């Protein structure tokens, strides 16, 4: 597949660079979801690739992958104590459709994995086929 986009001019390499930049210096609990453009309205029987990236404490990123829309996590704790980094987990830890997950401090690894999933496995023709949504954590009154 060509490393270019149809109309936006954003290459796959450019998408990876954008993801790395987007994930830099984000607060704990920042969440980014990437999937096929319009995926929330697709037939539930369609198998689609989705990625979810969540910022944890100590600059650790959690990357989750699925073949259906991922549920938003409600973690009890964002600490990273005891987490094994840079290892792909594919057990049934989460109750939703998670295919696997990774904890890492390497934003480039996360970005390259996402691009490869969409470009090579899902077969997206270009970055124009993708959409994203992101959320910053809510702050309670009186917090810095």
Protein backbone atom coordinates (compact mmCIF):
# COMPACT_ATOMS: atom_id res chain seq x y z
CA UNK A 1 0.00 0.00 0.00
CA UNK A 2 1.32 3.42 -0.88
CA UNK A 3 2.51 5.64 1.95
CA UNK A 4 0.26 8.52 1.01
CA UNK A 5 -3.25 9.79 1.47
CA UNK A 6 -5.88 10.40 -1.22
CA UNK A 7 -6.85 13.98 -0.54
CA UNK A 8 -5.61 15.25 2.81
CA UNK A 9 -1.95 14.93 1.90
CA UNK A 10 -1.21 13.27 5.27
CA UNK A 11 1.04 10.27 4.74
CA UNK A 12 1.08 7.25 7.02
CA UNK A 13 4.47 8.44 8.33
CA UNK A 14 2.91 11.87 8.88
CA UNK A 15 0.11 10.26 10.87
CA UNK A 16 2.63 8.49 13.09
CA UNK A 17 4.49 11.77 13.66
CA UNK A 18 1.17 13.50 14.47
CA UNK A 19 0.30 10.81 17.02
CA UNK A 20 3.69 11.13 18.74
CA UNK A 21 3.28 14.90 18.92
CA UNK A 22 -0.31 14.63 20.14
CA UNK A 23 0.66 12.24 22.94
CA UNK A 24 3.53 14.40 24.19
CA UNK A 25 3.00 16.18 27.52
CA UNK A 26 -0.61 15.10 27.98
CA UNK A 27 -2.08 14.87 31.48
CA UNK A 28 -2.88 11.62 33.21
CA UNK A 29 -6.26 10.29 32.02
CA UNK A 30 -6.02 11.88 28.56
CA UNK A 31 -7.63 9.43 26.12
CA UNK A 32 -7.35 9.23 22.34
CA UNK A 33 -9.45 6.88 20.24
CA UNK A 34 -8.72 6.17 16.57
CA UNK A 35 -10.88 4.17 14.20
CA UNK A 36 -12.50 4.16 10.81
CA UNK A 37 -14.17 7.45 9.96
CA UNK A 38 -17.84 7.14 10.86
CA UNK A 39 -17.29 3.89 12.76
CA UNK A 40 -19.90 4.72 15.40
CA UNK A 41 -22.61 4.45 12.78
CA UNK A 42 -21.43 1.24 11.11
CA UNK A 43 -23.33 -2.03 11.37
CA UNK A 44 -22.39 -3.82 14.59
CA UNK A 45 -21.59 -6.97 12.62
CA UNK A 46 -18.79 -5.26 10.70
CA UNK A 47 -15.35 -6.14 12.00
CA UNK A 48 -13.29 -2.97 12.29
CA UNK A 49 -9.98 -2.06 13.87
CA UNK A 50 -10.07 0.47 16.70
CA UNK A 51 -7.28 1.77 18.91
CA UNK A 52 -7.49 3.51 22.25
CA UNK A 53 -4.55 5.26 23.93
CA UNK A 54 -4.73 6.29 27.57
CA UNK A 55 -2.12 8.31 29.46
CA UNK A 56 -1.24 6.80 32.82
CA UNK A 57 1.08 8.10 35.55
CA UNK A 58 4.85 8.33 35.05
CA UNK A 59 4.49 9.06 31.31
CA UNK A 60 3.25 5.52 30.62
CA UNK A 61 0.84 5.02 27.74
CA UNK A 62 -1.65 2.19 27.54
CA UNK A 63 -2.53 1.12 24.01
CA UNK A 64 -5.58 -1.09 23.46
CA UNK A 65 -6.68 -2.63 20.21
CA UNK A 66 -10.02 -4.05 19.20
CA UNK A 67 -12.08 -5.16 16.22
CA UNK A 68 -15.12 -3.28 17.50
CA UNK A 69 -15.81 0.00 19.30
CA UNK A 70 -13.93 0.04 22.63
CA UNK A 71 -15.72 1.02 25.80
CA UNK A 72 -14.32 3.97 27.70
CA UNK A 73 -12.30 2.82 30.69
CA UNK A 74 -13.13 3.92 34.20
CA UNK A 75 -9.86 3.02 35.91
CA UNK A 76 -9.73 3.05 39.68
CA UNK A 77 -6.09 4.12 39.61
CA UNK A 78 -3.72 5.56 36.99
CA UNK A 79 -0.55 4.54 38.80
CA UNK A 80 1.92 2.32 36.99
CA UNK A 81 3.35 0.45 39.97
CA UNK A 82 3.79 -3.20 39.09
CA UNK A 83 2.96 -2.85 35.38
CA UNK A 84 5.10 -4.75 32.91
CA UNK A 85 6.19 -2.36 30.17
CA UNK A 86 6.79 -3.10 26.48
CA UNK A 87 5.02 -6.46 26.46
CA UNK A 88 1.88 -7.21 24.45
CA UNK A 89 -0.90 -8.69 26.60
CA UNK A 90 -3.73 -10.58 24.94
CA UNK A 91 -5.55 -12.16 27.86
CA UNK A 92 -9.15 -11.41 28.79
CA UNK A 93 -8.41 -8.73 31.39
CA UNK A 94 -11.03 -6.32 30.06
CA UNK A 95 -14.70 -7.29 29.73
CA UNK A 96 -15.17 -5.54 26.39
CA UNK A 97 -13.84 -6.42 22.95
CA UNK A 98 -10.16 -5.67 23.68
CA UNK A 99 -7.89 -7.82 21.46
CA UNK A 100 -4.81 -6.89 23.42
CA UNK A 101 -3.01 -4.12 25.21
CA UNK A 102 0.44 -2.71 25.86
CA UNK A 103 1.96 -0.45 28.50
CA UNK A 104 4.94 1.61 27.35
CA UNK A 105 6.69 4.97 27.62
CA UNK A 106 7.54 4.83 23.92
CA UNK A 107 5.08 7.08 22.06
CA UNK A 108 6.74 6.15 18.74
CA UNK A 109 6.01 2.46 19.36
CA UNK A 110 2.37 3.30 20.05
CA UNK A 111 2.10 5.49 16.95
CA UNK A 112 3.78 2.96 14.65
CA UNK A 113 1.58 0.13 15.96
CA UNK A 114 -1.58 2.16 15.33
CA UNK A 115 -0.52 3.08 11.80
CA UNK A 116 0.37 -0.54 10.99
CA UNK A 117 -2.98 -1.80 12.28
CA UNK A 118 -4.96 0.56 10.12
CA UNK A 119 -2.76 0.53 7.04
CA UNK A 120 -1.72 -3.12 6.89
CA UNK A 121 -4.30 -5.15 8.77
CA UNK A 122 -7.52 -3.21 8.29
CA UNK A 123 -6.46 -2.14 4.80
CA UNK A 124 -7.29 1.54 5.05
CA UNK A 125 -6.48 3.14 1.71
CA UNK A 126 -5.34 6.38 3.30
CA UNK A 127 -5.39 8.38 6.49
CA UNK A 128 -8.59 9.97 5.15
CA UNK A 129 -10.37 6.72 6.07
CA UNK A 130 -9.72 7.35 9.77
CA UNK A 131 -11.29 9.46 12.44
CA UNK A 132 -10.38 10.18 16.03
CA UNK A 133 -11.83 11.45 19.24
CA UNK A 134 -9.97 12.61 22.32
CA UNK A 135 -10.87 13.58 25.84
CA UNK A 136 -9.02 15.51 28.50
CA UNK A 137 -9.67 14.57 32.12
CA UNK A 138 -12.22 16.58 34.06
CA UNK A 139 -10.92 18.62 36.96
CA UNK A 140 -12.87 19.20 40.14
CA UNK A 141 -13.32 22.76 41.43
CA UNK A 142 -10.36 23.94 43.49
CA UNK A 143 -7.84 21.59 41.84
CA UNK A 144 -4.80 23.02 40.07
